[in-house]
Each structure stands twice: as structure tokens, then as C-alpha cells.
Amino acid sequence: MNINSYVCGNDDVTPKPDPAPYWRAASMVGLPADASGAGQCLVFEDSKPGLTAARASGATVVAVTGHARVDMSDSGLCDEAIVDYRGLTIADLAGWM
């Protein structure tokens, strides 16, 4: 497992709103590079392309609405919504998974 890796827009992966960046990230931490792997992941996103990609990947999706231009919390693209990360606890994360 490589926890010091990341996926960014410069990588050779189909960009969001395709789920490929999330599948790549899942593979980087030792999970299958598909919906079964991403299904074990919790994703925080703040944009429509990101939420769309995360939802399509199979992950549990949390919309972060505090800085978003458009509130996507009622879009059907997320399982939970938060304004920002303040006050977020491990119990919150565990409850969402």
C-alpha cells in the first residue's frame, strides 16, 4: 500500500467526471481499481464533475458545500453533505461507511 501517493489532473488517467481517477486512487492503496475497490472508500468532493466521478466510482460520497459555487447536496450525487471539515470526527467518518 502506498499512502504517500495522489492522483491529479496531470496524470495519465481519464479526467473527472469519469470515475477513473478514483479507481486509480483505490489501486494506490491496495484496493481493486474498480467499483469494488472504490466502494471501500470515502470521497470528499466540492464540484459537480468531482461528485459525478465519485458517485460513478462506487465510493461513499460526501459533498463539501462551504466553498462550492452551486450547492450540490440535493443533487443525488452524494450520500452526505457538510459545509466544511470543522468538527468532523472519526465517528462521523465511520458512520458514513
C-alpha atoms as a PDB file:
ATOM      1  CA  MET A   1       0.000   0.000   0.000  1.00  0.00           C
ATOM      2  CA  ASN A   2       1.326   3.413  -0.949  1.00  0.00           C
ATOM      3  CA  ILE A   3      -0.333   6.069   1.225  1.00  0.00           C
ATOM      4  CA  ASN A   4       2.011   8.817   0.010  1.00  0.00           C
ATOM      5  CA  SER A   5       0.538   8.985  -3.473  1.00  0.00           C
ATOM      6  CA  TYR A   6      -2.058  11.129  -5.137  1.00  0.00           C
ATOM      7  CA  VAL A   7      -3.953  11.435  -8.393  1.00  0.00           C
ATOM      8  CA  CYS A   8      -4.038  14.809 -10.120  1.00  0.00           C
ATOM      9  CA  GLY A   9      -5.102  16.366 -13.404  1.00  0.00           C
ATOM     10  CA  ASN A  10      -1.639  15.913 -14.923  1.00  0.00           C
ATOM     11  CA  ASP A  11      -1.730  12.136 -14.520  1.00  0.00           C
ATOM     12  CA  ASP A  12      -2.365   9.825 -17.459  1.00  0.00           C
ATOM     13  CA  VAL A  13      -5.916   8.979 -16.401  1.00  0.00           C
ATOM     14  CA  THR A  14      -9.261   9.935 -17.905  1.00  0.00           C
ATOM     15  CA  PRO A  15     -10.343  13.083 -16.008  1.00  0.00           C
ATOM     16  CA  LYS A  16     -13.458  13.715 -13.952  1.00  0.00           C
ATOM     17  CA  PRO A  17     -16.382  13.301 -14.406  1.00  0.00           C
ATOM     18  CA  ASP A  18     -15.095   9.838 -15.373  1.00  0.00           C
ATOM     19  CA  PRO A  19     -14.600   7.594 -12.304  1.00  0.00           C
ATOM     20  CA  ALA A  20     -11.081   6.585 -13.413  1.00  0.00           C
ATOM     21  CA  PRO A  21      -9.231   8.932 -11.001  1.00  0.00           C
ATOM     22  CA  TYR A  22     -10.982   7.307  -8.041  1.00  0.00           C
ATOM     23  CA  TRP A  23     -10.289   3.817  -9.313  1.00  0.00           C
ATOM     24  CA  ARG A  24      -6.616   4.758  -9.716  1.00  0.00           C
ATOM     25  CA  ALA A  25      -6.555   6.118  -6.157  1.00  0.00           C
ATOM     26  CA  ALA A  26      -8.141   2.909  -4.848  1.00  0.00           C
ATOM     27  CA  SER A  27      -5.435   0.857  -6.561  1.00  0.00           C
ATOM     28  CA  MET A  28      -2.742   3.044  -4.993  1.00  0.00           C
ATOM     29  CA  VAL A  29      -3.851   1.960  -1.525  1.00  0.00           C
ATOM     30  CA  GLY A  30      -4.054  -1.710  -2.463  1.00  0.00           C
ATOM     31  CA  LEU A  31      -7.726  -1.989  -3.391  1.00  0.00           C
ATOM     32  CA  PRO A  32      -9.109  -3.207  -6.721  1.00  0.00           C
ATOM     33  CA  ALA A  33      -9.082  -0.485  -9.408  1.00  0.00           C
ATOM     34  CA  ASP A  34     -12.838  -0.666  -9.945  1.00  0.00           C
ATOM     35  CA  ALA A  35     -16.146  -0.080  -8.156  1.00  0.00           C
ATOM     36  CA  SER A  36     -15.457  -2.879  -5.678  1.00  0.00           C
ATOM     37  CA  GLY A  37     -12.289  -1.101  -4.539  1.00  0.00           C
ATOM     38  CA  ALA A  38     -13.730   2.406  -4.565  1.00  0.00           C
ATOM     39  CA  GLY A  39     -16.729   1.032  -2.682  1.00  0.00           C
ATOM     40  CA  GLN A  40     -14.434   0.736   0.320  1.00  0.00           C
ATOM     41  CA  CYS A  41     -13.513   4.429   0.089  1.00  0.00           C
ATOM     42  CA  LEU A  42     -14.952   7.676   1.415  1.00  0.00           C
ATOM     43  CA  VAL A  43     -14.615  10.602  -1.013  1.00  0.00           C
ATOM     44  CA  PHE A  44     -14.989  14.307  -0.221  1.00  0.00           C
ATOM     45  CA  GLU A  45     -15.825  16.488  -3.230  1.00  0.00           C
ATOM     46  CA  ASP A  46     -16.915  20.076  -3.824  1.00  0.00           C
ATOM     47  CA  SER A  47     -17.731  20.244  -7.544  1.00  0.00           C
ATOM     48  CA  LYS A  48     -20.272  18.688  -9.888  1.00  0.00           C
ATOM     49  CA  PRO A  49     -17.623  16.903 -12.007  1.00  0.00           C
ATOM     50  CA  GLY A  50     -15.982  15.581  -8.845  1.00  0.00           C
ATOM     51  CA  LEU A  51     -19.264  14.455  -7.303  1.00  0.00           C
ATOM     52  CA  THR A  52     -20.287  12.832 -10.583  1.00  0.00           C
ATOM     53  CA  ALA A  53     -16.983  10.950 -10.822  1.00  0.00           C
ATOM     54  CA  ALA A  54     -17.041   9.897  -7.188  1.00  0.00           C
ATOM     55  CA  ARG A  55     -20.639   8.630  -7.415  1.00  0.00           C
ATOM     56  CA  ALA A  56     -19.843   6.679 -10.615  1.00  0.00           C
ATOM     57  CA  SER A  57     -16.769   5.153  -8.971  1.00  0.00           C
ATOM     58  CA  GLY A  58     -18.837   3.327  -6.360  1.00  0.00           C
ATOM     59  CA  ALA A  59     -17.418   5.235  -3.387  1.00  0.00           C
ATOM     60  CA  THR A  60     -19.342   6.724  -0.488  1.00  0.00           C
ATOM     61  CA  VAL A  61     -19.518  10.420  -1.373  1.00  0.00           C
ATOM     62  CA  VAL A  62     -19.585  13.475   0.894  1.00  0.00           C
ATOM     63  CA  ALA A  63     -20.328  16.854  -0.691  1.00  0.00           C
ATOM     64  CA  VAL A  64     -18.390  19.752   0.829  1.00  0.00           C
ATOM     65  CA  THR A  65     -20.651  22.741   0.230  1.00  0.00           C
ATOM     66  CA  GLY A  66     -18.935  25.622   2.043  1.00  0.00           C
ATOM     67  CA  HIS A  67     -16.949  26.944  -0.908  1.00  0.00           C
ATOM     68  CA  ALA A  68     -18.927  25.489  -3.803  1.00  0.00           C
ATOM     69  CA  ARG A  69     -20.441  27.880  -6.305  1.00  0.00           C
ATOM     70  CA  VAL A  70     -23.543  25.700  -6.519  1.00  0.00           C
ATOM     71  CA  ASP A  71     -24.916  23.642  -3.619  1.00  0.00           C
ATOM     72  CA  MET A  72     -24.952  20.063  -4.907  1.00  0.00           C
ATOM     73  CA  SER A  73     -26.121  18.464  -1.654  1.00  0.00           C
ATOM     74  CA  ASP A  74     -29.573  17.713  -3.109  1.00  0.00           C
ATOM     75  CA  SER A  75     -28.273  16.521  -6.480  1.00  0.00           C
ATOM     76  CA  GLY A  76     -28.398  12.811  -5.741  1.00  0.00           C
ATOM     77  CA  LEU A  77     -24.635  12.692  -6.264  1.00  0.00           C
ATOM     78  CA  CYS A  78     -23.711  12.408  -2.578  1.00  0.00           C
ATOM     79  CA  ASP A  79     -24.527  10.281   0.439  1.00  0.00           C
ATOM     80  CA  GLU A  80     -23.823  13.043   2.950  1.00  0.00           C
ATOM     81  CA  ALA A  81     -23.142  16.774   2.858  1.00  0.00           C
ATOM     82  CA  ILE A  82     -21.045  19.006   5.090  1.00  0.00           C
ATOM     83  CA  VAL A  83     -20.330  22.722   4.969  1.00  0.00           C
ATOM     84  CA  ASP A  84     -16.652  22.253   5.863  1.00  0.00           C
ATOM     85  CA  TYR A  85     -14.417  19.933   7.847  1.00  0.00           C
ATOM     86  CA  ARG A  86     -14.698  21.730  11.192  1.00  0.00           C
ATOM     87  CA  GLY A  87     -15.970  19.467  13.933  1.00  0.00           C
ATOM     88  CA  LEU A  88     -15.729  16.329  11.784  1.00  0.00           C
ATOM     89  CA  THR A  89     -14.887  13.286  13.889  1.00  0.00           C
ATOM     90  CA  ILE A  90     -13.700   9.747  13.305  1.00  0.00           C
ATOM     91  CA  ALA A  91     -17.146   8.630  14.482  1.00  0.00           C
ATOM     92  CA  ASP A  92     -18.715  10.696  11.667  1.00  0.00           C
ATOM     93  CA  LEU A  93     -16.459   9.025   9.108  1.00  0.00           C
ATOM     94  CA  ALA A  94     -17.146   5.568  10.479  1.00  0.00           C
ATOM     95  CA  GLY A  95     -20.884   6.224  10.478  1.00  0.00           C
ATOM     96  CA  TRP A  96     -20.835   7.157   6.807  1.00  0.00           C
ATOM     97  CA  MET A  97     -19.053   3.976   5.818  1.00  0.00           C
END
